[in-house]
Amino acid sequence: TEAHLITLSDAPARVRGAVDMALLDLKGKLAEAPVYDVLAGRTRDKARAVAALSGANESELTDAVAVARDTGYRAFSVPVQLPEESPTRGKRFFVETEMMLRRLRDAGADDLVLDCGGRTTAAEAAGLAARLEGSHLMWLDEPTDEINDETLKKISHDTVTPVGWGRHFT
């Protein structure tokens, strides 16, 4: 029989992530230390709660900010508002998104996550990340459905905006 060698770099990202976590867990067990110590030590002692806003337009999102602030939230995940008139989104989309986030901040949303829900293209996500650098997003969430190394590089290479992925991994 002929042997076939499959390298980890050929595996999907979710498989590489699972193997990485398993190896870190083993390393922690051998060191008799929690994984965070293996990875250079604890960095936080608490986690921040983020309110996931819902709304079909900016007015509904503004109302949702007020309700969430009244219950103690200061960080908010905002769903991207995609224009319905065209599948191709240009400069207007980027400007309107930036302005909406500014107005939500003015309405009391201290820290923001922009949740694209996998509905933007890699090029659009890269444009948003670059355009919103001055907004200091906590992160740009689920920018595209296509998750691979090339997409991640395209979106995060030329910006300091953090990118979050993984909600839909199984």
C-alpha atoms as a PDB file:
ATOM      1  CA  THR A   1       0.000   0.000   0.000  1.00  0.00           C
ATOM      2  CA  GLU A   2       1.039   3.520  -0.628  1.00  0.00           C
ATOM      3  CA  ALA A   3       1.341   5.814   2.394  1.00  0.00           C
ATOM      4  CA  HIS A   4      -0.106   9.297   2.179  1.00  0.00           C
ATOM      5  CA  LEU A   5       1.270  12.027   4.379  1.00  0.00           C
ATOM      6  CA  ILE A   6      -1.154  14.771   5.340  1.00  0.00           C
ATOM      7  CA  THR A   7       0.374  17.775   7.019  1.00  0.00           C
ATOM      8  CA  LEU A   8      -1.433  19.901   9.551  1.00  0.00           C
ATOM      9  CA  SER A   9      -1.095  22.915   7.252  1.00  0.00           C
ATOM     10  CA  ASP A  10      -3.387  21.076   4.796  1.00  0.00           C
ATOM     11  CA  ALA A  11      -6.107  20.694   7.432  1.00  0.00           C
ATOM     12  CA  PRO A  12      -9.036  23.133   7.801  1.00  0.00           C
ATOM     13  CA  ALA A  13      -8.594  25.933  10.348  1.00  0.00           C
ATOM     14  CA  ARG A  14     -11.016  24.284  12.801  1.00  0.00           C
ATOM     15  CA  VAL A  15      -8.897  21.102  12.797  1.00  0.00           C
ATOM     16  CA  ARG A  16      -5.655  23.038  13.282  1.00  0.00           C
ATOM     17  CA  GLY A  17      -7.291  24.944  16.153  1.00  0.00           C
ATOM     18  CA  ALA A  18      -8.459  21.731  17.822  1.00  0.00           C
ATOM     19  CA  VAL A  19      -4.987  20.184  17.539  1.00  0.00           C
ATOM     20  CA  ASP A  20      -3.389  23.371  18.908  1.00  0.00           C
ATOM     21  CA  MET A  21      -5.724  23.348  21.921  1.00  0.00           C
ATOM     22  CA  ALA A  22      -5.091  19.640  22.568  1.00  0.00           C
ATOM     23  CA  LEU A  23      -1.316  20.160  22.436  1.00  0.00           C
ATOM     24  CA  LEU A  24      -1.539  23.166  24.760  1.00  0.00           C
ATOM     25  CA  ASP A  25      -3.657  21.134  27.167  1.00  0.00           C
ATOM     26  CA  LEU A  26      -1.033  18.355  27.158  1.00  0.00           C
ATOM     27  CA  LYS A  27       1.763  20.855  27.685  1.00  0.00           C
ATOM     28  CA  GLY A  28      -0.129  22.365  30.632  1.00  0.00           C
ATOM     29  CA  LYS A  29      -0.680  18.943  32.175  1.00  0.00           C
ATOM     30  CA  LEU A  30       3.023  18.074  31.815  1.00  0.00           C
ATOM     31  CA  ALA A  31       4.004  21.410  33.357  1.00  0.00           C
ATOM     32  CA  GLU A  32       1.324  21.012  36.052  1.00  0.00           C
ATOM     33  CA  ALA A  33       0.168  24.526  35.215  1.00  0.00           C
ATOM     34  CA  PRO A  34      -2.896  26.092  33.625  1.00  0.00           C
ATOM     35  CA  VAL A  35      -2.609  26.832  29.907  1.00  0.00           C
ATOM     36  CA  TYR A  36      -2.561  30.595  30.512  1.00  0.00           C
ATOM     37  CA  ASP A  37       0.692  30.148  32.490  1.00  0.00           C
ATOM     38  CA  VAL A  38       2.140  28.088  29.633  1.00  0.00           C
ATOM     39  CA  LEU A  39       1.208  30.957  27.297  1.00  0.00           C
ATOM     40  CA  ALA A  40       3.061  33.639  29.334  1.00  0.00           C
ATOM     41  CA  GLY A  41       0.758  34.105  32.303  1.00  0.00           C
ATOM     42  CA  ARG A  42      -2.587  35.529  33.280  1.00  0.00           C
ATOM     43  CA  THR A  43      -3.564  38.756  31.575  1.00  0.00           C
ATOM     44  CA  ARG A  44      -7.045  39.354  32.992  1.00  0.00           C
ATOM     45  CA  ASP A  45      -9.001  38.439  36.085  1.00  0.00           C
ATOM     46  CA  LYS A  46     -12.405  39.364  34.721  1.00  0.00           C
ATOM     47  CA  ALA A  47     -14.335  39.306  31.467  1.00  0.00           C
ATOM     48  CA  ARG A  48     -16.355  42.114  29.993  1.00  0.00           C
ATOM     49  CA  ALA A  49     -19.985  41.504  29.074  1.00  0.00           C
ATOM     50  CA  VAL A  50     -21.034  42.750  25.649  1.00  0.00           C
ATOM     51  CA  ALA A  51     -24.701  43.421  24.852  1.00  0.00           C
ATOM     52  CA  ALA A  52     -25.697  42.095  21.439  1.00  0.00           C
ATOM     53  CA  LEU A  53     -27.970  44.737  19.968  1.00  0.00           C
ATOM     54  CA  SER A  54     -30.714  43.990  17.486  1.00  0.00           C
ATOM     55  CA  GLY A  55     -32.596  46.350  15.250  1.00  0.00           C
ATOM     56  CA  ALA A  56     -33.525  46.829  11.632  1.00  0.00           C
ATOM     57  CA  ASN A  57     -32.299  50.430  11.543  1.00  0.00           C
ATOM     58  CA  GLU A  58     -30.267  52.979  13.447  1.00  0.00           C
ATOM     59  CA  SER A  59     -33.246  54.247  15.439  1.00  0.00           C
ATOM     60  CA  GLU A  60     -34.000  50.767  16.778  1.00  0.00           C
ATOM     61  CA  LEU A  61     -30.310  50.239  17.578  1.00  0.00           C
ATOM     62  CA  THR A  62     -30.196  53.553  19.479  1.00  0.00           C
ATOM     63  CA  ASP A  63     -33.214  52.470  21.534  1.00  0.00           C
ATOM     64  CA  ALA A  64     -31.516  49.113  22.208  1.00  0.00           C
ATOM     65  CA  VAL A  65     -28.394  50.948  23.469  1.00  0.00           C
ATOM     66  CA  ALA A  66     -30.500  52.876  25.985  1.00  0.00           C
ATOM     67  CA  VAL A  67     -32.177  49.703  27.284  1.00  0.00           C
ATOM     68  CA  ALA A  68     -28.862  47.832  27.583  1.00  0.00           C
ATOM     69  CA  ARG A  69     -27.134  50.797  29.285  1.00  0.00           C
ATOM     70  CA  ASP A  70     -29.941  50.917  31.838  1.00  0.00           C
ATOM     71  CA  THR A  71     -29.152  47.308  32.748  1.00  0.00           C
ATOM     72  CA  GLY A  72     -25.447  48.076  33.164  1.00  0.00           C
ATOM     73  CA  TYR A  73     -23.845  47.317  29.795  1.00  0.00           C
ATOM     74  CA  ARG A  74     -21.145  49.623  28.464  1.00  0.00           C
ATOM     75  CA  ALA A  75     -19.957  47.509  25.513  1.00  0.00           C
ATOM     76  CA  PHE A  76     -22.193  46.686  22.560  1.00  0.00           C
ATOM     77  CA  SER A  77     -22.155  44.427  19.524  1.00  0.00           C
ATOM     78  CA  VAL A  78     -23.816  46.217  16.619  1.00  0.00           C
ATOM     79  CA  PRO A  79     -25.070  44.315  13.562  1.00  0.00           C
ATOM     80  CA  VAL A  80     -23.786  45.755  10.306  1.00  0.00           C
ATOM     81  CA  GLN A  81     -26.534  47.549   8.390  1.00  0.00           C
ATOM     82  CA  LEU A  82     -26.318  46.454   4.766  1.00  0.00           C
ATOM     83  CA  PRO A  83     -27.979  48.546   2.074  1.00  0.00           C
ATOM     84  CA  GLU A  84     -30.688  46.563   0.320  1.00  0.00           C
ATOM     85  CA  GLU A  85     -30.619  48.353  -3.005  1.00  0.00           C
ATOM     86  CA  SER A  86     -27.523  46.614  -4.324  1.00  0.00           C
ATOM     87  CA  PRO A  87     -25.359  43.600  -3.563  1.00  0.00           C
ATOM     88  CA  THR A  88     -22.332  45.780  -4.397  1.00  0.00           C
ATOM     89  CA  ARG A  89     -21.575  48.226  -1.629  1.00  0.00           C
ATOM     90  CA  GLY A  90     -19.349  51.217  -2.241  1.00  0.00           C
ATOM     91  CA  LYS A  91     -17.989  54.231  -0.418  1.00  0.00           C
ATOM     92  CA  ARG A  92     -21.437  55.282   0.813  1.00  0.00           C
ATOM     93  CA  PHE A  93     -21.729  52.016   2.782  1.00  0.00           C
ATOM     94  CA  PHE A  94     -18.417  52.682   4.566  1.00  0.00           C
ATOM     95  CA  VAL A  95     -19.283  56.311   5.360  1.00  0.00           C
ATOM     96  CA  GLU A  96     -22.785  55.437   6.637  1.00  0.00           C
ATOM     97  CA  THR A  97     -21.419  52.633   8.817  1.00  0.00           C
ATOM     98  CA  GLU A  98     -18.828  54.946  10.360  1.00  0.00           C
ATOM     99  CA  MET A  99     -21.406  57.679  10.994  1.00  0.00           C
ATOM    100  CA  MET A 100     -23.878  55.217  12.547  1.00  0.00           C
ATOM    101  CA  LEU A 101     -21.214  53.996  14.967  1.00  0.00           C
ATOM    102  CA  ARG A 102     -20.371  57.600  15.914  1.00  0.00           C
ATOM    103  CA  ARG A 103     -24.033  58.349  16.617  1.00  0.00           C
ATOM    104  CA  LEU A 104     -24.386  55.161  18.698  1.00  0.00           C
ATOM    105  CA  ARG A 105     -21.362  56.284  20.734  1.00  0.00           C
ATOM    106  CA  ASP A 106     -23.020  59.654  21.217  1.00  0.00           C
ATOM    107  CA  ALA A 107     -26.116  57.759  22.429  1.00  0.00           C
ATOM    108  CA  GLY A 108     -24.074  56.079  25.160  1.00  0.00           C
ATOM    109  CA  ALA A 109     -22.396  53.068  23.572  1.00  0.00           C
ATOM    110  CA  ASP A 110     -18.929  53.349  25.130  1.00  0.00           C
ATOM    111  CA  ASP A 111     -17.251  50.431  23.345  1.00  0.00           C
ATOM    112  CA  LEU A 112     -18.376  48.823  20.114  1.00  0.00           C
ATOM    113  CA  VAL A 113     -18.016  45.595  18.194  1.00  0.00           C
ATOM    114  CA  LEU A 114     -19.216  45.672  14.578  1.00  0.00           C
ATOM    115  CA  ASP A 115     -20.827  42.310  13.839  1.00  0.00           C
ATOM    116  CA  CYS A 116     -20.765  41.602  10.107  1.00  0.00           C
ATOM    117  CA  GLY A 117     -22.329  38.160  10.648  1.00  0.00           C
ATOM    118  CA  GLY A 118     -20.325  36.761   7.726  1.00  0.00           C
ATOM    119  CA  ARG A 119     -22.315  38.947   5.321  1.00  0.00           C
ATOM    120  CA  THR A 120     -19.552  41.135   3.881  1.00  0.00           C
ATOM    121  CA  THR A 121     -16.922  40.160   1.350  1.00  0.00           C
ATOM    122  CA  ALA A 122     -13.255  40.024   2.298  1.00  0.00           C
ATOM    123  CA  ALA A 123     -12.674  43.268   0.365  1.00  0.00           C
ATOM    124  CA  GLU A 124     -15.574  45.014   2.133  1.00  0.00           C
ATOM    125  CA  ALA A 125     -14.406  43.769   5.528  1.00  0.00           C
ATOM    126  CA  ALA A 126     -10.870  44.994   4.814  1.00  0.00           C
ATOM    127  CA  GLY A 127     -12.281  48.380   3.810  1.00  0.00           C
ATOM    128  CA  LEU A 128     -14.409  48.577   6.965  1.00  0.00           C
ATOM    129  CA  ALA A 129     -11.488  47.586   9.203  1.00  0.00           C
ATOM    130  CA  ALA A 130      -9.296  50.287   7.664  1.00  0.00           C
ATOM    131  CA  ARG A 131     -12.040  52.924   7.631  1.00  0.00           C
ATOM    132  CA  LEU A 132     -12.977  52.282  11.267  1.00  0.00           C
ATOM    133  CA  GLU A 133      -9.452  52.339  12.750  1.00  0.00           C
ATOM    134  CA  GLY A 134     -10.127  55.764  14.261  1.00  0.00           C
ATOM    135  CA  SER A 135     -13.305  54.413  15.873  1.00  0.00           C
ATOM    136  CA  HIS A 136     -11.236  51.999  17.974  1.00  0.00           C
ATOM    137  CA  LEU A 137     -13.629  49.095  17.673  1.00  0.00           C
ATOM    138  CA  MET A 138     -13.179  46.356  20.243  1.00  0.00           C
ATOM    139  CA  TRP A 139     -13.136  44.095  17.177  1.00  0.00           C
ATOM    140  CA  LEU A 140     -14.718  43.495  13.773  1.00  0.00           C
ATOM    141  CA  ASP A 141     -16.737  40.317  14.257  1.00  0.00           C
ATOM    142  CA  GLU A 142     -17.351  37.529  11.717  1.00  0.00           C
ATOM    143  CA  PRO A 143     -16.396  39.654   8.698  1.00  0.00           C
ATOM    144  CA  THR A 144     -16.928  36.914   6.081  1.00  0.00           C
ATOM    145  CA  ASP A 145     -18.242  33.401   5.743  1.00  0.00           C
ATOM    146  CA  GLU A 146     -15.020  32.339   4.030  1.00  0.00           C
ATOM    147  CA  ILE A 147     -12.492  31.775   6.784  1.00  0.00           C
ATOM    148  CA  ASN A 148      -8.967  30.872   5.721  1.00  0.00           C
ATOM    149  CA  ASP A 149      -5.460  32.228   6.086  1.00  0.00           C
ATOM    150  CA  GLU A 150      -5.619  34.290   2.885  1.00  0.00           C
ATOM    151  CA  THR A 151      -8.898  35.944   3.881  1.00  0.00           C
ATOM    152  CA  LEU A 152      -7.570  36.744   7.338  1.00  0.00           C
ATOM    153  CA  LYS A 153      -4.439  38.310   5.823  1.00  0.00           C
ATOM    154  CA  LYS A 154      -6.502  40.354   3.375  1.00  0.00           C
ATOM    155  CA  ILE A 155      -8.718  41.739   6.118  1.00  0.00           C
ATOM    156  CA  SER A 156      -6.195  42.320   8.903  1.00  0.00           C
ATOM    157  CA  HIS A 157      -2.899  42.998   7.121  1.00  0.00           C
ATOM    158  CA  ASP A 158      -3.153  46.775   6.705  1.00  0.00           C
ATOM    159  CA  THR A 159      -5.145  47.711   9.796  1.00  0.00           C
ATOM    160  CA  VAL A 160      -4.913  47.686  13.569  1.00  0.00           C
ATOM    161  CA  THR A 161      -8.614  46.865  13.944  1.00  0.00           C
ATOM    162  CA  PRO A 162      -8.849  43.469  15.686  1.00  0.00           C
ATOM    163  CA  VAL A 163     -10.810  40.785  13.840  1.00  0.00           C
ATOM    164  CA  GLY A 164     -12.920  38.098  15.528  1.00  0.00           C
ATOM    165  CA  TRP A 165     -13.937  34.781  13.978  1.00  0.00           C
ATOM    166  CA  GLY A 166     -15.139  31.398  15.066  1.00  0.00           C
ATOM    167  CA  ARG A 167     -18.737  31.726  16.174  1.00  0.00           C
ATOM    168  CA  HIS A 168     -19.894  29.382  13.418  1.00  0.00           C
ATOM    169  CA  PHE A 169     -17.177  26.741  13.746  1.00  0.00           C
ATOM    170  CA  THR A 170     -18.476  23.267  14.490  1.00  0.00           C
END
